[in-house]
C-alpha atoms as a PDB file:
ATOM      1  CA  MET A   1       0.034   0.236   0.206  1.00  0.00           C
ATOM      2  CA  LEU A   2       2.978   2.195   0.898  1.00  0.00           C
ATOM      3  CA  ARG A   3       4.397   1.577  -3.064  1.00  0.00           C
ATOM      4  CA  SER A   4       1.157   2.835  -4.430  1.00  0.00           C
ATOM      5  CA  ALA A   5       0.933   5.869  -2.218  1.00  0.00           C
ATOM      6  CA  LEU A   6       4.093   6.773  -3.084  1.00  0.00           C
ATOM      7  CA  LEU A   7       3.175   6.125  -6.977  1.00  0.00           C
ATOM      8  CA  VAL A   8       0.134   8.152  -6.607  1.00  0.00           C
ATOM      9  CA  THR A   9       1.910  11.187  -4.946  1.00  0.00           C
ATOM     10  CA  LEU A  10       4.205  10.995  -7.497  1.00  0.00           C
ATOM     11  CA  GLY A  11       2.016  10.739 -10.721  1.00  0.00           C
ATOM     12  CA  ILE A  12      -0.090  13.793  -9.241  1.00  0.00           C
ATOM     13  CA  ALA A  13       3.236  15.856  -8.864  1.00  0.00           C
ATOM     14  CA  ILE A  14       4.303  14.763 -12.347  1.00  0.00           C
ATOM     15  CA  THR A  15       0.447  15.436 -13.985  1.00  0.00           C
ATOM     16  CA  GLY A  16       0.922  19.144 -12.238  1.00  0.00           C
ATOM     17  CA  PHE A  17       3.980  19.949 -13.813  1.00  0.00           C
ATOM     18  CA  ILE A  18       3.302  18.505 -17.100  1.00  0.00           C
ATOM     19  CA  SER A  19      -0.462  20.275 -16.930  1.00  0.00           C
ATOM     20  CA  LEU A  20       1.503  23.601 -16.133  1.00  0.00           C
ATOM     21  CA  TRP A  21       3.690  23.418 -19.009  1.00  0.00           C
ATOM     22  CA  CYS A  22       0.772  22.335 -21.646  1.00  0.00           C
ATOM     23  CA  VAL A  23      -0.897  25.699 -19.986  1.00  0.00           C
ATOM     24  CA  ILE A  24       1.984  27.913 -20.677  1.00  0.00           C
ATOM     25  CA  PHE A  25       2.290  26.350 -24.177  1.00  0.00           C
ATOM     26  CA  SER A  26      -1.145  27.502 -24.898  1.00  0.00           C
ATOM     27  CA  VAL A  27       0.314  31.152 -25.733  1.00  0.00           C
ATOM     28  CA  ILE A  28       1.861  29.393 -28.975  1.00  0.00           C
ATOM     29  CA  PRO A  29      -0.189  29.634 -31.956  1.00  0.00           C
ATOM     30  CA  ASN A  30      -1.650  26.549 -33.289  1.00  0.00           C
ATOM     31  CA  SER A  31      -0.515  25.041 -30.062  1.00  0.00           C
ATOM     32  CA  GLU A  32      -3.038  22.033 -29.753  1.00  0.00           C
ATOM     33  CA  ASN A  33      -1.231  19.793 -31.699  1.00  0.00           C
ATOM     34  CA  ARG A  34       1.871  20.350 -29.677  1.00  0.00           C
ATOM     35  CA  ILE A  35       0.466  19.679 -26.126  1.00  0.00           C
ATOM     36  CA  HIS A  36      -1.651  16.274 -27.371  1.00  0.00           C
ATOM     37  CA  LYS A  37       2.283  15.382 -27.748  1.00  0.00           C
ATOM     38  CA  ILE A  38       2.769  16.449 -24.231  1.00  0.00           C
ATOM     39  CA  ALA A  39       0.028  14.847 -23.461  1.00  0.00           C
ATOM     40  CA  ASN A  40       1.283  11.309 -25.013  1.00  0.00           C
ATOM     41  CA  LEU A  41       4.477  11.852 -23.157  1.00  0.00           C
ATOM     42  CA  TRP A  42       3.038  12.447 -19.638  1.00  0.00           C
ATOM     43  CA  ALA A  43       0.856   8.938 -20.229  1.00  0.00           C
ATOM     44  CA  LYS A  44       4.042   6.902 -20.904  1.00  0.00           C
ATOM     45  CA  ILE A  45       6.144   8.381 -18.284  1.00  0.00           C
ATOM     46  CA  LEU A  46       3.273   7.286 -15.895  1.00  0.00           C
ATOM     47  CA  LEU A  47       3.050   3.799 -17.276  1.00  0.00           C
ATOM     48  CA  LEU A  48       6.894   3.676 -16.873  1.00  0.00           C
ATOM     49  CA  ILE A  49       7.149   4.628 -13.202  1.00  0.00           C
ATOM     50  CA  SER A  50       3.643   2.202 -12.632  1.00  0.00           C
ATOM     51  CA  ASN A  51       5.615  -0.557 -14.394  1.00  0.00           C
ATOM     52  CA  THR A  52       2.592  -0.982 -16.735  1.00  0.00           C
ATOM     53  CA  LYS A  53       3.496  -2.993 -19.747  1.00  0.00           C
ATOM     54  CA  VAL A  54       1.113  -2.626 -22.892  1.00  0.00           C
ATOM     55  CA  GLU A  55       0.923  -5.068 -25.456  1.00  0.00           C
ATOM     56  CA  ILE A  56      -0.561  -3.493 -28.922  1.00  0.00           C
ATOM     57  CA  ILE A  57      -2.382  -5.800 -31.117  1.00  0.00           C
ATOM     58  CA  GLY A  58      -3.492  -4.616 -34.406  1.00  0.00           C
ATOM     59  CA  LYS A  59      -1.901  -1.173 -34.889  1.00  0.00           C
ATOM     60  CA  GLU A  60      -1.683  -1.636 -38.932  1.00  0.00           C
ATOM     61  CA  ASN A  61      -5.918  -1.183 -38.405  1.00  0.00           C
ATOM     62  CA  ILE A  62      -5.545   2.469 -37.500  1.00  0.00           C
ATOM     63  CA  LEU A  63      -6.270   4.439 -40.616  1.00  0.00           C
ATOM     64  CA  LYS A  64      -3.453   6.762 -41.671  1.00  0.00           C
ATOM     65  CA  GLY A  65      -3.902  10.431 -42.445  1.00  0.00           C
ATOM     66  CA  LYS A  66      -7.727  10.068 -41.853  1.00  0.00           C
ATOM     67  CA  PRO A  67     -10.350  11.085 -39.080  1.00  0.00           C
ATOM     68  CA  GLN A  68     -11.790   8.171 -37.309  1.00  0.00           C
ATOM     69  CA  VAL A  69     -13.433   7.539 -34.224  1.00  0.00           C
ATOM     70  CA  PHE A  70     -11.691   5.575 -31.773  1.00  0.00           C
ATOM     71  CA  MET A  71     -14.327   3.785 -29.149  1.00  0.00           C
ATOM     72  CA  ALA A  72     -13.106   1.498 -26.412  1.00  0.00           C
ATOM     73  CA  ASN A  73     -14.079  -0.170 -23.386  1.00  0.00           C
ATOM     74  CA  HIS A  74     -13.524   1.079 -20.316  1.00  0.00           C
ATOM     75  CA  GLN A  75     -12.471  -0.219 -16.447  1.00  0.00           C
ATOM     76  CA  SER A  76      -9.788   2.069 -14.798  1.00  0.00           C
ATOM     77  CA  ASP A  77      -8.415   5.333 -14.912  1.00  0.00           C
ATOM     78  CA  PHE A  78      -5.288   3.493 -16.771  1.00  0.00           C
ATOM     79  CA  ASP A  79      -7.177   3.198 -19.559  1.00  0.00           C
ATOM     80  CA  ILE A  80      -6.814   7.248 -20.201  1.00  0.00           C
ATOM     81  CA  LEU A  81      -3.030   6.875 -19.860  1.00  0.00           C
ATOM     82  CA  ILE A  82      -3.094   3.310 -21.950  1.00  0.00           C
ATOM     83  CA  VAL A  83      -4.959   4.680 -25.244  1.00  0.00           C
ATOM     84  CA  LEU A  84      -3.173   8.388 -24.605  1.00  0.00           C
ATOM     85  CA  GLY A  85       0.586   6.436 -24.450  1.00  0.00           C
ATOM     86  CA  HIS A  86       0.246   3.785 -27.320  1.00  0.00           C
ATOM     87  CA  ILE A  87      -2.540   5.346 -30.150  1.00  0.00           C
ATOM     88  CA  PRO A  88      -0.055   7.326 -32.480  1.00  0.00           C
ATOM     89  CA  GLY A  89      -1.197  10.099 -34.168  1.00  0.00           C
ATOM     90  CA  GLN A  90      -3.292  13.278 -33.229  1.00  0.00           C
ATOM     91  CA  PHE A  91      -6.994  12.562 -31.416  1.00  0.00           C
ATOM     92  CA  ARG A  92      -9.114  14.290 -29.881  1.00  0.00           C
ATOM     93  CA  TRP A  93     -10.570  12.957 -26.339  1.00  0.00           C
ATOM     94  CA  ILE A  94     -14.707  13.652 -25.463  1.00  0.00           C
ATOM     95  CA  ALA A  95     -14.380  13.595 -21.691  1.00  0.00           C
ATOM     96  CA  LYS A  96     -16.861  14.124 -18.875  1.00  0.00           C
ATOM     97  CA  LYS A  97     -17.069  17.499 -17.347  1.00  0.00           C
ATOM     98  CA  GLU A  98     -15.848  16.895 -13.981  1.00  0.00           C
ATOM     99  CA  LEU A  99     -12.039  16.114 -15.323  1.00  0.00           C
ATOM    100  CA  PHE A 100     -12.104  19.801 -16.950  1.00  0.00           C
ATOM    101  CA  GLN A 101     -12.862  20.980 -13.628  1.00  0.00           C
ATOM    102  CA  ILE A 102      -9.795  20.046 -11.715  1.00  0.00           C
ATOM    103  CA  PRO A 103      -7.340  22.780 -11.374  1.00  0.00           C
ATOM    104  CA  ILE A 104      -4.344  23.389 -13.879  1.00  0.00           C
ATOM    105  CA  PHE A 105      -5.020  19.820 -15.150  1.00  0.00           C
ATOM    106  CA  GLY A 106      -8.708  20.716 -16.702  1.00  0.00           C
ATOM    107  CA  GLN A 107      -7.139  23.847 -18.399  1.00  0.00           C
ATOM    108  CA  ALA A 108      -4.267  21.680 -19.883  1.00  0.00           C
ATOM    109  CA  MET A 109      -7.282  19.563 -21.639  1.00  0.00           C
ATOM    110  CA  LYS A 110      -8.905  22.640 -22.873  1.00  0.00           C
ATOM    111  CA  ASN A 111      -5.817  23.858 -24.121  1.00  0.00           C
ATOM    112  CA  ALA A 112      -4.936  20.544 -25.983  1.00  0.00           C
ATOM    113  CA  GLY A 113      -8.616  20.701 -27.529  1.00  0.00           C
ATOM    114  CA  TYR A 114     -10.109  18.128 -25.928  1.00  0.00           C
ATOM    115  CA  ILE A 115     -13.820  18.205 -25.682  1.00  0.00           C
ATOM    116  CA  GLU A 116     -15.864  18.470 -22.331  1.00  0.00           C
ATOM    117  CA  ILE A 117     -19.650  16.433 -22.532  1.00  0.00           C
ATOM    118  CA  ASP A 118     -22.132  17.039 -19.890  1.00  0.00           C
ATOM    119  CA  ARG A 119     -24.083  13.723 -20.098  1.00  0.00           C
ATOM    120  CA  GLN A 120     -26.628  15.194 -17.669  1.00  0.00           C
ATOM    121  CA  ASN A 121     -27.430  18.238 -19.810  1.00  0.00           C
ATOM    122  CA  HIS A 122     -29.034  16.831 -23.584  1.00  0.00           C
ATOM    123  CA  ALA A 123     -28.679  20.510 -24.921  1.00  0.00           C
ATOM    124  CA  LYS A 124     -24.965  20.763 -23.599  1.00  0.00           C
ATOM    125  CA  ALA A 125     -24.125  17.388 -24.424  1.00  0.00           C
ATOM    126  CA  LEU A 126     -25.425  18.132 -28.454  1.00  0.00           C
ATOM    127  CA  GLN A 127     -23.051  21.086 -28.451  1.00  0.00           C
ATOM    128  CA  SER A 128     -20.128  18.780 -27.563  1.00  0.00           C
ATOM    129  CA  LEU A 129     -20.887  16.626 -30.170  1.00  0.00           C
ATOM    130  CA  ASP A 130     -21.294  19.436 -32.675  1.00  0.00           C
ATOM    131  CA  GLU A 131     -17.618  20.680 -31.507  1.00  0.00           C
ATOM    132  CA  ALA A 132     -16.391  17.135 -31.985  1.00  0.00           C
ATOM    133  CA  ALA A 133     -17.798  17.018 -35.784  1.00  0.00           C
ATOM    134  CA  LEU A 134     -15.912  20.225 -35.976  1.00  0.00           C
ATOM    135  CA  ARG A 135     -12.770  18.760 -34.835  1.00  0.00           C
ATOM    136  CA  ILE A 136     -13.405  15.816 -37.300  1.00  0.00           C
ATOM    137  CA  ARG A 137     -13.661  18.080 -40.044  1.00  0.00           C
ATOM    138  CA  GLU A 138     -10.211  19.590 -39.419  1.00  0.00           C
ATOM    139  CA  GLY A 139      -8.443  16.228 -40.155  1.00  0.00           C
ATOM    140  CA  LYS A 140      -8.452  15.055 -36.206  1.00  0.00           C
ATOM    141  CA  SER A 141      -9.914  11.820 -34.816  1.00  0.00           C
ATOM    142  CA  VAL A 142     -11.635  11.374 -32.093  1.00  0.00           C
ATOM    143  CA  MET A 143     -11.670   8.894 -28.807  1.00  0.00           C
ATOM    144  CA  THR A 144     -14.227   7.797 -26.315  1.00  0.00           C
ATOM    145  CA  PHE A 145     -15.230   5.501 -24.179  1.00  0.00           C
ATOM    146  CA  PRO A 146     -18.871   4.676 -25.374  1.00  0.00           C
ATOM    147  CA  GLU A 147     -19.813   3.484 -21.673  1.00  0.00           C
ATOM    148  CA  GLY A 148     -19.804   6.441 -20.174  1.00  0.00           C
ATOM    149  CA  THR A 149     -18.124   5.346 -16.950  1.00  0.00           C
ATOM    150  CA  ARG A 150     -15.656   2.441 -15.595  1.00  0.00           C
ATOM    151  CA  SER A 151     -16.504  -0.714 -15.319  1.00  0.00           C
ATOM    152  CA  ARG A 152     -16.335  -1.998 -11.591  1.00  0.00           C
ATOM    153  CA  ASP A 153     -16.633  -5.798 -12.440  1.00  0.00           C
ATOM    154  CA  GLY A 154     -14.785  -5.917 -15.671  1.00  0.00           C
ATOM    155  CA  GLU A 155     -18.099  -6.808 -17.837  1.00  0.00           C
ATOM    156  CA  ILE A 156     -18.549  -4.252 -20.493  1.00  0.00           C
ATOM    157  CA  LYS A 157     -21.825  -2.074 -20.154  1.00  0.00           C
ATOM    158  CA  SER A 158     -24.193  -0.677 -22.406  1.00  0.00           C
ATOM    159  CA  PHE A 159     -23.050   2.111 -24.747  1.00  0.00           C
ATOM    160  CA  LYS A 160     -23.995   5.914 -24.609  1.00  0.00           C
ATOM    161  CA  GLN A 161     -25.603   6.796 -28.197  1.00  0.00           C
ATOM    162  CA  GLY A 162     -23.848  10.487 -28.246  1.00  0.00           C
ATOM    163  CA  THR A 163     -20.959   9.319 -29.859  1.00  0.00           C
ATOM    164  CA  PHE A 164     -22.615   7.119 -32.539  1.00  0.00           C
ATOM    165  CA  HIS A 165     -24.599   9.994 -33.602  1.00  0.00           C
ATOM    166  CA  LEU A 166     -21.416  11.657 -34.131  1.00  0.00           C
ATOM    167  CA  ALA A 167     -19.855   9.068 -36.571  1.00  0.00           C
ATOM    168  CA  ILE A 168     -22.709   8.787 -38.669  1.00  0.00           C
ATOM    169  CA  LYS A 169     -23.328  12.557 -38.903  1.00  0.00           C
ATOM    170  CA  ALA A 170     -19.795  13.081 -39.810  1.00  0.00           C
ATOM    171  CA  GLY A 171     -19.338  10.097 -42.050  1.00  0.00           C
ATOM    172  CA  VAL A 172     -16.273   8.548 -40.494  1.00  0.00           C
ATOM    173  CA  PRO A 173     -15.667   4.891 -39.640  1.00  0.00           C
ATOM    174  CA  ILE A 174     -15.012   4.118 -35.927  1.00  0.00           C
ATOM    175  CA  VAL A 175     -12.285   1.891 -34.642  1.00  0.00           C
ATOM    176  CA  PRO A 176     -13.504  -0.487 -31.983  1.00  0.00           C
ATOM    177  CA  VAL A 177     -10.520  -1.128 -29.210  1.00  0.00           C
ATOM    178  CA  SER A 178     -10.302  -3.685 -26.585  1.00  0.00           C
ATOM    179  CA  ILE A 179      -8.065  -2.925 -23.195  1.00  0.00           C
ATOM    180  CA  VAL A 180      -7.923  -5.776 -21.370  1.00  0.00           C
ATOM    181  CA  GLY A 181      -5.942  -6.251 -17.623  1.00  0.00           C
ATOM    182  CA  SER A 182      -6.300  -2.530 -16.858  1.00  0.00           C
ATOM    183  CA  GLY A 183      -8.877  -2.893 -14.064  1.00  0.00           C
ATOM    184  CA  ARG A 184      -6.217  -5.152 -12.222  1.00  0.00           C
ATOM    185  CA  ILE A 185      -3.838  -2.820 -12.556  1.00  0.00           C
ATOM    186  CA  MET A 186      -5.989  -0.211 -10.672  1.00  0.00           C
ATOM    187  CA  PRO A 187      -9.524  -1.226 -10.003  1.00  0.00           C
ATOM    188  CA  LYS A 188     -12.472   1.524 -10.095  1.00  0.00           C
ATOM    189  CA  ARG A 189     -12.526   3.537  -6.745  1.00  0.00           C
ATOM    190  CA  SER A 190      -9.064   2.291  -5.735  1.00  0.00           C
ATOM    191  CA  LEU A 191      -5.769   4.082  -5.389  1.00  0.00           C
ATOM    192  CA  LYS A 192      -4.094   0.595  -4.858  1.00  0.00           C
ATOM    193  CA  VAL A 193      -1.668   0.779  -8.118  1.00  0.00           C
ATOM    194  CA  THR A 194      -0.335  -2.824  -9.109  1.00  0.00           C
ATOM    195  CA  PRO A 195       2.199  -3.313 -11.799  1.00  0.00           C
ATOM    196  CA  GLY A 196       1.149  -5.662 -14.690  1.00  0.00           C
ATOM    197  CA  ARG A 197       0.391  -6.190 -18.234  1.00  0.00           C
ATOM    198  CA  VAL A 198      -2.447  -4.922 -20.565  1.00  0.00           C
ATOM    199  CA  LYS A 199      -3.583  -6.059 -23.932  1.00  0.00           C
ATOM    200  CA  LEU A 200      -4.235  -3.042 -26.353  1.00  0.00           C
ATOM    201  CA  ILE A 201      -6.346  -4.783 -29.565  1.00  0.00           C
ATOM    202  CA  ILE A 202      -7.331  -2.648 -32.352  1.00  0.00           C
ATOM    203  CA  ASP A 203      -9.519  -3.994 -34.598  1.00  0.00           C
ATOM    204  CA  LYS A 204     -10.680  -3.162 -38.314  1.00  0.00           C
ATOM    205  CA  PRO A 205     -12.411   0.481 -38.913  1.00  0.00           C
ATOM    206  CA  ILE A 206     -16.239   0.317 -39.272  1.00  0.00           C
ATOM    207  CA  GLU A 207     -17.940   1.796 -42.152  1.00  0.00           C
ATOM    208  CA  VAL A 208     -20.829   4.113 -41.050  1.00  0.00           C
ATOM    209  CA  LYS A 209     -22.059   5.063 -44.632  1.00  0.00           C
ATOM    210  CA  GLU A 210     -25.055   2.155 -44.757  1.00  0.00           C
ATOM    211  CA  TYR A 211     -26.122   3.270 -41.136  1.00  0.00           C
ATOM    212  CA  THR A 212     -28.579   6.357 -40.578  1.00  0.00           C
ATOM    213  CA  VAL A 213     -29.336   7.722 -36.854  1.00  0.00           C
ATOM    214  CA  GLU A 214     -32.872   5.650 -37.183  1.00  0.00           C
ATOM    215  CA  ASN A 215     -31.009   2.102 -37.557  1.00  0.00           C
ATOM    216  CA  ARG A 216     -27.961   3.335 -35.228  1.00  0.00           C
ATOM    217  CA  HIS A 217     -28.838   0.365 -32.622  1.00  0.00           C
ATOM    218  CA  GLU A 218     -27.373  -1.857 -35.179  1.00  0.00           C
ATOM    219  CA  LEU A 219     -24.193   0.146 -35.599  1.00  0.00           C
ATOM    220  CA  ILE A 220     -24.019   0.066 -31.472  1.00  0.00           C
ATOM    221  CA  ASP A 221     -24.455  -3.499 -31.272  1.00  0.00           C
ATOM    222  CA  ARG A 222     -22.014  -4.242 -34.298  1.00  0.00           C
ATOM    223  CA  VAL A 223     -18.986  -2.100 -32.489  1.00  0.00           C
ATOM    224  CA  ARG A 224     -19.966  -3.459 -29.164  1.00  0.00           C
ATOM    225  CA  ASN A 225     -19.721  -6.999 -30.069  1.00  0.00           C
ATOM    226  CA  VAL A 226     -16.736  -6.621 -31.694  1.00  0.00           C
ATOM    227  CA  ILE A 227     -15.120  -4.885 -28.721  1.00  0.00           C
ATOM    228  CA  ILE A 228     -16.631  -7.463 -26.354  1.00  0.00           C
ATOM    229  CA  ASN A 229     -15.224 -10.502 -28.581  1.00  0.00           C
ATOM    230  CA  ASN A 230     -11.935  -9.197 -28.848  1.00  0.00           C
ATOM    231  CA  TYR A 231     -11.938  -8.432 -24.975  1.00  0.00           C
ATOM    232  CA  ASP A 232     -13.303 -11.850 -24.028  1.00  0.00           C
ATOM    233  CA  HIS A 233     -11.033 -13.505 -26.796  1.00  0.00           C
ATOM    234  CA  TRP A 234      -7.578 -12.133 -25.259  1.00  0.00           C
ATOM    235  CA  ARG A 235      -8.710 -12.364 -21.402  1.00  0.00           C
ATOM    236  CA  GLU A 236      -9.440 -15.957 -21.907  1.00  0.00           C
ATOM    237  CA  ALA A 237      -5.578 -16.770 -23.625  1.00  0.00           C
ATOM    238  CA  GLY A 238      -4.369 -14.375 -20.966  1.00  0.00           C
ATOM    239  CA  THR A 239      -5.857 -16.637 -18.062  1.00  0.00           C
ATOM    240  CA  LYS A 240      -4.645 -19.957 -20.015  1.00  0.00           C
ATOM    241  CA  ASN A 241      -0.884 -18.689 -20.438  1.00  0.00           C
ATOM    242  CA  ILE A 242      -0.888 -18.141 -16.486  1.00  0.00           C
ATOM    243  CA  LYS A 243      -2.644 -21.519 -15.788  1.00  0.00           C
ATOM    244  CA  ASP A 244       0.187 -23.105 -17.976  1.00  0.00           C
ATOM    245  CA  MET A 245       2.922 -21.135 -16.452  1.00  0.00           C
ATOM    246  CA  GLU A 246       1.688 -22.549 -13.134  1.00  0.00           C
ATOM    247  CA  LYS A 247       1.713 -26.050 -14.027  1.00  0.00           C
ATOM    248  CA  GLU A 248       5.296 -25.727 -15.186  1.00  0.00           C
ATOM    249  CA  ALA A 249       5.882 -24.197 -11.974  1.00  0.00           C
ATOM    250  CA  SER A 250       4.540 -27.008  -9.972  1.00  0.00           C
END
């Protein structure tokens, strides 16, 4: 527990220091891309000091030079670091408004062009999606956790509809992302940090041209099933590997 306390304290200090520099960098014109690169470095530093190893599967499925909407399952605060540190290129987060209320850190997120969403206010949420559509038209990709909150038991919850509206409206493909193992690193509502390995599975882009707002539920089910299938497959593979190693050791 002492180790976790030291890691959390160090992580907060590093986050505050880098966030401050992101705020300072905002005075430079067109600084959003630079700030995102700093955020990428921040994520890699925190993963390194927490001894979190990430294996990436399917990196070749990321579209190069084209905007896309990344959608991932969500189990832990470490998911933010995992995605930010290991999905290449420029993208903008759609994140809950509470994160933007954190002093300095929230301002750094705004300066990076990340998009605040208030899920309790429908009108404001629609404004946020319009802002995200603008980012996409500018050629930026968007990253989101469609569950809207972290899962406590590791099971993938139902998906919110908003970002699917966004993908259909913008006409850009959805890239399903499955994160396996982050819940063991740092569970929801816990400050205990356990070293470990995580798998980041990036599946093939799903085109949205055949979908409309009217049949959006078919698209939601399709994306969610891809994420769940990859999650279950690689989680079971990891469990089997652990059991095999235990047998060899005995």
